[in-house]
Protein backbone atom coordinates (compact mmCIF):
# COMPACT_ATOMS: atom_id res chain seq x y z
CA UNK A 1 0.00 0.00 0.00
CA UNK A 2 2.88 2.37 0.74
CA UNK A 3 4.20 1.67 -2.76
CA UNK A 4 0.79 2.56 -4.20
CA UNK A 5 0.72 5.88 -2.36
CA UNK A 6 4.23 6.64 -3.61
CA UNK A 7 3.25 5.94 -7.23
CA UNK A 8 0.22 8.21 -7.04
CA UNK A 9 2.28 10.95 -5.42
CA UNK A 10 4.89 10.62 -8.18
CA UNK A 11 2.23 10.90 -10.90
CA UNK A 12 0.76 13.96 -9.24
CA UNK A 13 4.19 15.56 -9.01
CA UNK A 14 4.59 15.42 -12.79
CA UNK A 15 1.47 17.59 -13.18
CA UNK A 16 2.01 19.78 -10.15
CA UNK A 17 1.60 23.57 -10.32
CA UNK A 18 -0.24 24.36 -7.08
CA UNK A 19 -2.55 26.77 -8.90
CA UNK A 20 -5.22 26.54 -6.17
CA UNK A 21 -8.04 27.39 -8.58
CA UNK A 22 -10.61 25.00 -7.13
CA UNK A 23 -12.27 25.50 -3.75
CA UNK A 24 -14.62 23.43 -1.62
CA UNK A 25 -17.46 25.59 -2.96
CA UNK A 26 -16.85 24.12 -6.43
CA UNK A 27 -17.56 20.54 -5.33
CA UNK A 28 -20.85 19.40 -3.79
CA UNK A 29 -20.25 16.38 -1.57
CA UNK A 30 -23.11 13.97 -0.78
CA UNK A 31 -23.44 10.77 1.22
CA UNK A 32 -25.93 7.94 0.92
CA UNK A 33 -26.08 4.82 3.06
CA UNK A 34 -22.97 5.52 5.18
CA UNK A 35 -22.75 5.74 8.96
CA UNK A 36 -21.44 8.93 10.56
CA UNK A 37 -18.18 7.07 11.29
CA UNK A 38 -17.57 6.36 7.60
CA UNK A 39 -18.71 9.83 6.57
CA UNK A 40 -16.08 11.27 8.89
CA UNK A 41 -13.30 9.39 7.09
CA UNK A 42 -14.32 11.02 3.79
CA UNK A 43 -15.04 14.43 5.31
CA UNK A 44 -11.67 14.58 7.05
CA UNK A 45 -9.87 14.17 3.72
CA UNK A 46 -12.11 16.36 1.56
CA UNK A 47 -9.70 19.31 1.58
CA UNK A 48 -6.91 17.04 0.38
CA UNK A 49 -9.11 16.06 -2.56
CA UNK A 50 -9.46 19.74 -3.49
CA UNK A 51 -5.70 20.18 -3.16
CA UNK A 52 -5.13 17.26 -5.52
CA UNK A 53 -7.45 18.80 -8.12
CA UNK A 54 -5.35 21.95 -7.97
CA UNK A 55 -2.09 20.08 -8.50
CA UNK A 56 -3.16 18.96 -11.96
CA UNK A 57 -2.49 21.81 -14.35
CA UNK A 58 -4.69 20.38 -17.12
CA UNK A 59 -7.84 20.70 -15.02
CA UNK A 60 -9.72 23.99 -15.34
CA UNK A 61 -12.79 25.68 -13.92
CA UNK A 62 -14.98 24.70 -16.88
CA UNK A 63 -15.42 21.41 -14.99
CA UNK A 64 -17.43 23.23 -12.32
CA UNK A 65 -19.94 22.48 -10.92
CA UNK A 66 -18.66 19.14 -9.63
CA UNK A 67 -20.40 16.53 -7.50
CA UNK A 68 -18.57 14.05 -5.28
CA UNK A 69 -21.01 11.32 -4.30
CA UNK A 70 -20.07 8.65 -1.77
CA UNK A 71 -22.65 5.87 -1.67
CA UNK A 72 -23.10 2.50 -0.02
CA UNK A 73 -25.96 0.38 -1.29
CA UNK A 74 -26.61 -3.32 -1.90
CA UNK A 75 -23.41 -4.17 0.02
CA UNK A 76 -21.22 -2.12 -2.31
CA UNK A 77 -19.52 1.24 -1.87
CA UNK A 78 -18.99 3.80 -4.63
CA UNK A 79 -16.99 7.00 -4.99
CA UNK A 80 -18.40 8.93 -7.93
CA UNK A 81 -17.22 12.23 -9.36
CA UNK A 82 -19.50 14.12 -11.78
CA UNK A 83 -18.01 17.06 -13.67
CA UNK A 84 -19.30 19.50 -16.26
CA UNK A 85 -17.96 18.65 -19.72
CA UNK A 86 -17.37 21.31 -22.35
CA UNK A 87 -16.00 19.44 -25.36
CA UNK A 88 -14.57 22.49 -27.15
CA UNK A 89 -12.79 23.65 -23.99
CA UNK A 90 -11.35 20.22 -23.24
CA UNK A 91 -10.07 19.80 -26.79
CA UNK A 92 -8.28 23.13 -26.41
CA UNK A 93 -6.69 21.87 -23.18
CA UNK A 94 -5.75 18.46 -24.60
CA UNK A 95 -1.94 18.11 -24.79
CA UNK A 96 -0.58 18.07 -28.34
CA UNK A 97 0.67 14.49 -27.97
CA UNK A 98 -2.87 13.20 -27.45
CA UNK A 99 -4.24 15.36 -30.27
CA UNK A 100 -1.62 13.80 -32.52
CA UNK A 101 -2.71 10.32 -31.46
CA UNK A 102 -6.33 11.12 -32.35
CA UNK A 103 -5.25 12.42 -35.77
CA UNK A 104 -3.03 9.41 -36.39
CA UNK A 105 -5.82 7.02 -35.46
CA UNK A 106 -8.16 8.88 -37.81
CA UNK A 107 -5.67 8.58 -40.67
CA UNK A 108 -5.47 4.83 -40.05
CA UNK A 109 -9.25 4.55 -40.29
CA UNK A 110 -9.95 4.34 -36.55
CA UNK A 111 -12.29 6.75 -34.80
CA UNK A 112 -12.14 7.43 -31.08
CA UNK A 113 -11.84 9.94 -28.27
CA UNK A 114 -9.26 10.82 -25.65
CA UNK A 115 -9.66 9.60 -22.06
CA UNK A 116 -6.95 12.00 -20.88
CA UNK A 117 -9.43 14.05 -18.81
CA UNK A 118 -11.25 11.15 -17.12
CA UNK A 119 -7.86 9.55 -16.43
CA UNK A 120 -6.74 12.65 -14.50
CA UNK A 121 -10.00 12.58 -12.56
CA UNK A 122 -9.52 8.88 -11.82
CA UNK A 123 -6.08 9.76 -10.47
CA UNK A 124 -7.63 12.35 -8.15
CA UNK A 125 -10.22 9.88 -6.88
CA UNK A 126 -7.67 7.12 -6.32
CA UNK A 127 -5.47 9.52 -4.38
CA UNK A 128 -8.50 10.58 -2.32
CA UNK A 129 -9.50 6.98 -1.67
CA UNK A 130 -6.03 6.02 -0.43
CA UNK A 131 -5.92 9.00 1.91
CA UNK A 132 -9.32 8.02 3.30
CA UNK A 133 -8.11 4.42 3.56
CA UNK A 134 -4.99 5.50 5.44
CA UNK A 135 -6.91 7.68 7.90
CA UNK A 136 -9.25 4.75 8.60
CA UNK A 137 -6.29 2.54 9.53
CA UNK A 138 -6.73 0.64 6.27
CA UNK A 139 -10.34 -0.34 6.80
CA UNK A 140 -10.95 -3.26 4.43
CA UNK A 141 -14.47 -2.06 3.58
CA UNK A 142 -13.20 1.30 2.28
CA UNK A 143 -10.68 -0.57 0.17
CA UNK A 144 -13.62 -2.21 -1.65
CA UNK A 145 -15.22 1.09 -2.71
CA UNK A 146 -15.46 1.33 -6.50
CA UNK A 147 -14.52 4.49 -8.37
CA UNK A 148 -16.37 6.03 -11.29
CA UNK A 149 -16.14 9.30 -13.22
CA UNK A 150 -19.01 10.92 -15.13
CA UNK A 151 -18.63 13.66 -17.72
CA UNK A 152 -21.89 15.58 -18.02
CA UNK A 153 -22.94 18.13 -20.64
CA UNK A 154 -25.29 21.02 -19.97
CA UNK A 155 -28.02 19.33 -22.06
CA UNK A 156 -28.05 16.37 -19.66
CA UNK A 157 -26.04 14.00 -21.87
CA UNK A 158 -23.35 12.07 -20.01
CA UNK A 159 -20.79 9.27 -20.17
CA UNK A 160 -19.54 7.34 -17.14
CA UNK A 161 -16.21 5.52 -16.84
CA UNK A 162 -15.21 2.88 -14.30
CA UNK A 163 -11.95 2.14 -12.56
CA UNK A 164 -10.38 -1.31 -12.26
CA UNK A 165 -7.93 -1.77 -9.40
CA UNK A 166 -5.39 -4.57 -9.48
CA UNK A 167 -1.99 -5.71 -8.23
CA UNK A 168 0.82 -5.97 -10.79
CA UNK A 169 3.38 -8.75 -11.01
CA UNK A 170 5.61 -6.86 -8.55
CA UNK A 171 2.80 -6.78 -6.00
CA UNK A 172 2.21 -3.04 -6.45
CA UNK A 173 -1.45 -1.85 -6.36
CA UNK A 174 -2.45 0.00 -9.53
CA UNK A 175 -5.56 1.08 -11.38
CA UNK A 176 -6.71 0.99 -14.99
CA UNK A 177 -9.81 1.81 -17.00
CA UNK A 178 -12.53 -0.74 -17.44
CA UNK A 179 -13.04 -1.12 -21.19
CA UNK A 180 -16.77 -0.42 -20.98
CA UNK A 181 -18.60 2.82 -20.22
CA UNK A 182 -22.24 3.79 -19.82
CA UNK A 183 -23.53 6.63 -21.96
CA UNK A 184 -26.74 8.62 -22.13
CA UNK A 185 -27.00 10.97 -25.08
CA UNK A 186 -29.86 13.46 -25.45
CA UNK A 187 -33.23 11.67 -25.22
CA UNK A 188 -31.77 8.25 -26.10
CA UNK A 189 -31.83 5.47 -23.53
CA UNK A 190 -28.68 4.72 -21.54
CA UNK A 191 -26.52 2.07 -23.17
CA UNK A 192 -23.01 0.64 -22.84
CA UNK A 193 -20.06 1.08 -25.19
CA UNK A 194 -16.96 -1.12 -25.24
CA UNK A 195 -13.50 0.04 -26.29
CA UNK A 196 -12.23 -1.68 -29.42
CA UNK A 197 -8.71 -1.47 -27.95
CA UNK A 198 -9.76 -2.90 -24.59
CA UNK A 199 -9.22 -6.26 -22.97
CA UNK A 200 -11.55 -8.17 -25.30
CA UNK A 201 -9.02 -7.77 -28.12
CA UNK A 202 -5.89 -8.50 -26.08
CA UNK A 203 -3.74 -11.46 -27.06
CA UNK A 204 -2.29 -11.81 -23.58
CA UNK A 205 -4.17 -11.38 -20.32
CA UNK A 206 -2.68 -8.37 -18.56
CA UNK A 207 -4.46 -5.58 -16.71
CA UNK A 208 -3.17 -2.64 -18.74
CA UNK A 209 -4.24 -2.23 -22.36
CA UNK A 210 -3.61 0.21 -25.19
CA UNK A 211 -6.63 2.02 -23.79
CA UNK A 212 -4.59 2.97 -20.71
CA UNK A 213 -1.23 3.35 -22.41
CA UNK A 214 -2.38 5.81 -25.08
CA UNK A 215 -5.41 7.36 -23.33
CA UNK A 216 -7.35 6.69 -26.52
CA UNK A 217 -10.74 4.97 -26.63
CA UNK A 218 -11.28 3.38 -30.04
CA UNK A 219 -14.88 3.25 -31.21
CA UNK A 220 -16.49 0.79 -33.55
CA UNK A 221 -18.83 1.45 -36.46
CA UNK A 222 -21.68 3.79 -35.39
CA UNK A 223 -24.25 1.81 -37.39
CA UNK A 224 -25.51 -1.76 -37.34
CA UNK A 225 -25.55 -3.88 -40.52
CA UNK A 226 -29.21 -2.92 -41.04
CA UNK A 227 -28.32 0.78 -41.02
CA UNK A 228 -29.70 1.59 -37.56
CA UNK A 229 -27.60 3.57 -35.09
CA UNK A 230 -25.95 1.63 -32.26
CA UNK A 231 -24.61 2.70 -28.86
CA UNK A 232 -21.24 3.79 -30.27
CA UNK A 233 -23.14 6.38 -32.29
CA UNK A 234 -23.98 8.15 -29.02
CA UNK A 235 -20.25 8.49 -28.28
CA UNK A 236 -19.63 9.89 -31.77
CA UNK A 237 -22.20 12.60 -31.03
CA UNK A 238 -21.11 13.22 -27.43
CA UNK A 239 -17.47 13.76 -28.42
CA UNK A 240 -18.39 15.49 -31.70
CA UNK A 241 -16.49 13.02 -33.87
CA UNK A 242 -16.80 13.25 -37.64
CA UNK A 243 -17.86 9.88 -39.06
């Protein structure tokens, strides 16, 4: 666990600027199904979560308002972060390396979107979770809480990503993206998309995939063989991808 904390701290250091743009007023924190004892663990570390947001220079105030929802229901705990998503603004903030990857994928006939932003938010949540875990004297129940990040547009459309935690071959705890995400676009029903470069297409069974390595989510064809739109089509529209 100490190794895990060190790795997260090292990753944060590479993005560190201590801009202190975000405040506690920017994030609405809610609890559901937790005792006051467990709520205290999360409350005591809330300021550190805000500090972590401010250490990542690529995060900006267009993400506000944010919601941090800590829930326990049906014998499962969740830490969910919902942020406002302005696609134009986030594309402007996207580092040139990831823009180049999107262009290269397009030239090779593959459409997709960057998960650079949700990855940074996953990093913040994992750092927050480990600080809560530490303050609780490594309570095993907190260790089981699942992490998810939702990007939400002003029209109510959203996409939600999930975090997969694992232990690598050196015994070091790490996290990666699940290769599925739930999406709700406009008035369409919620559905689930699966990354073409996720685990289902891996030759060898490891926890990290090209999805994590390149921060690029590859989409499939937006239409079914009969010409009807499928779930991937919602992601094309959400991320404003030219077909």
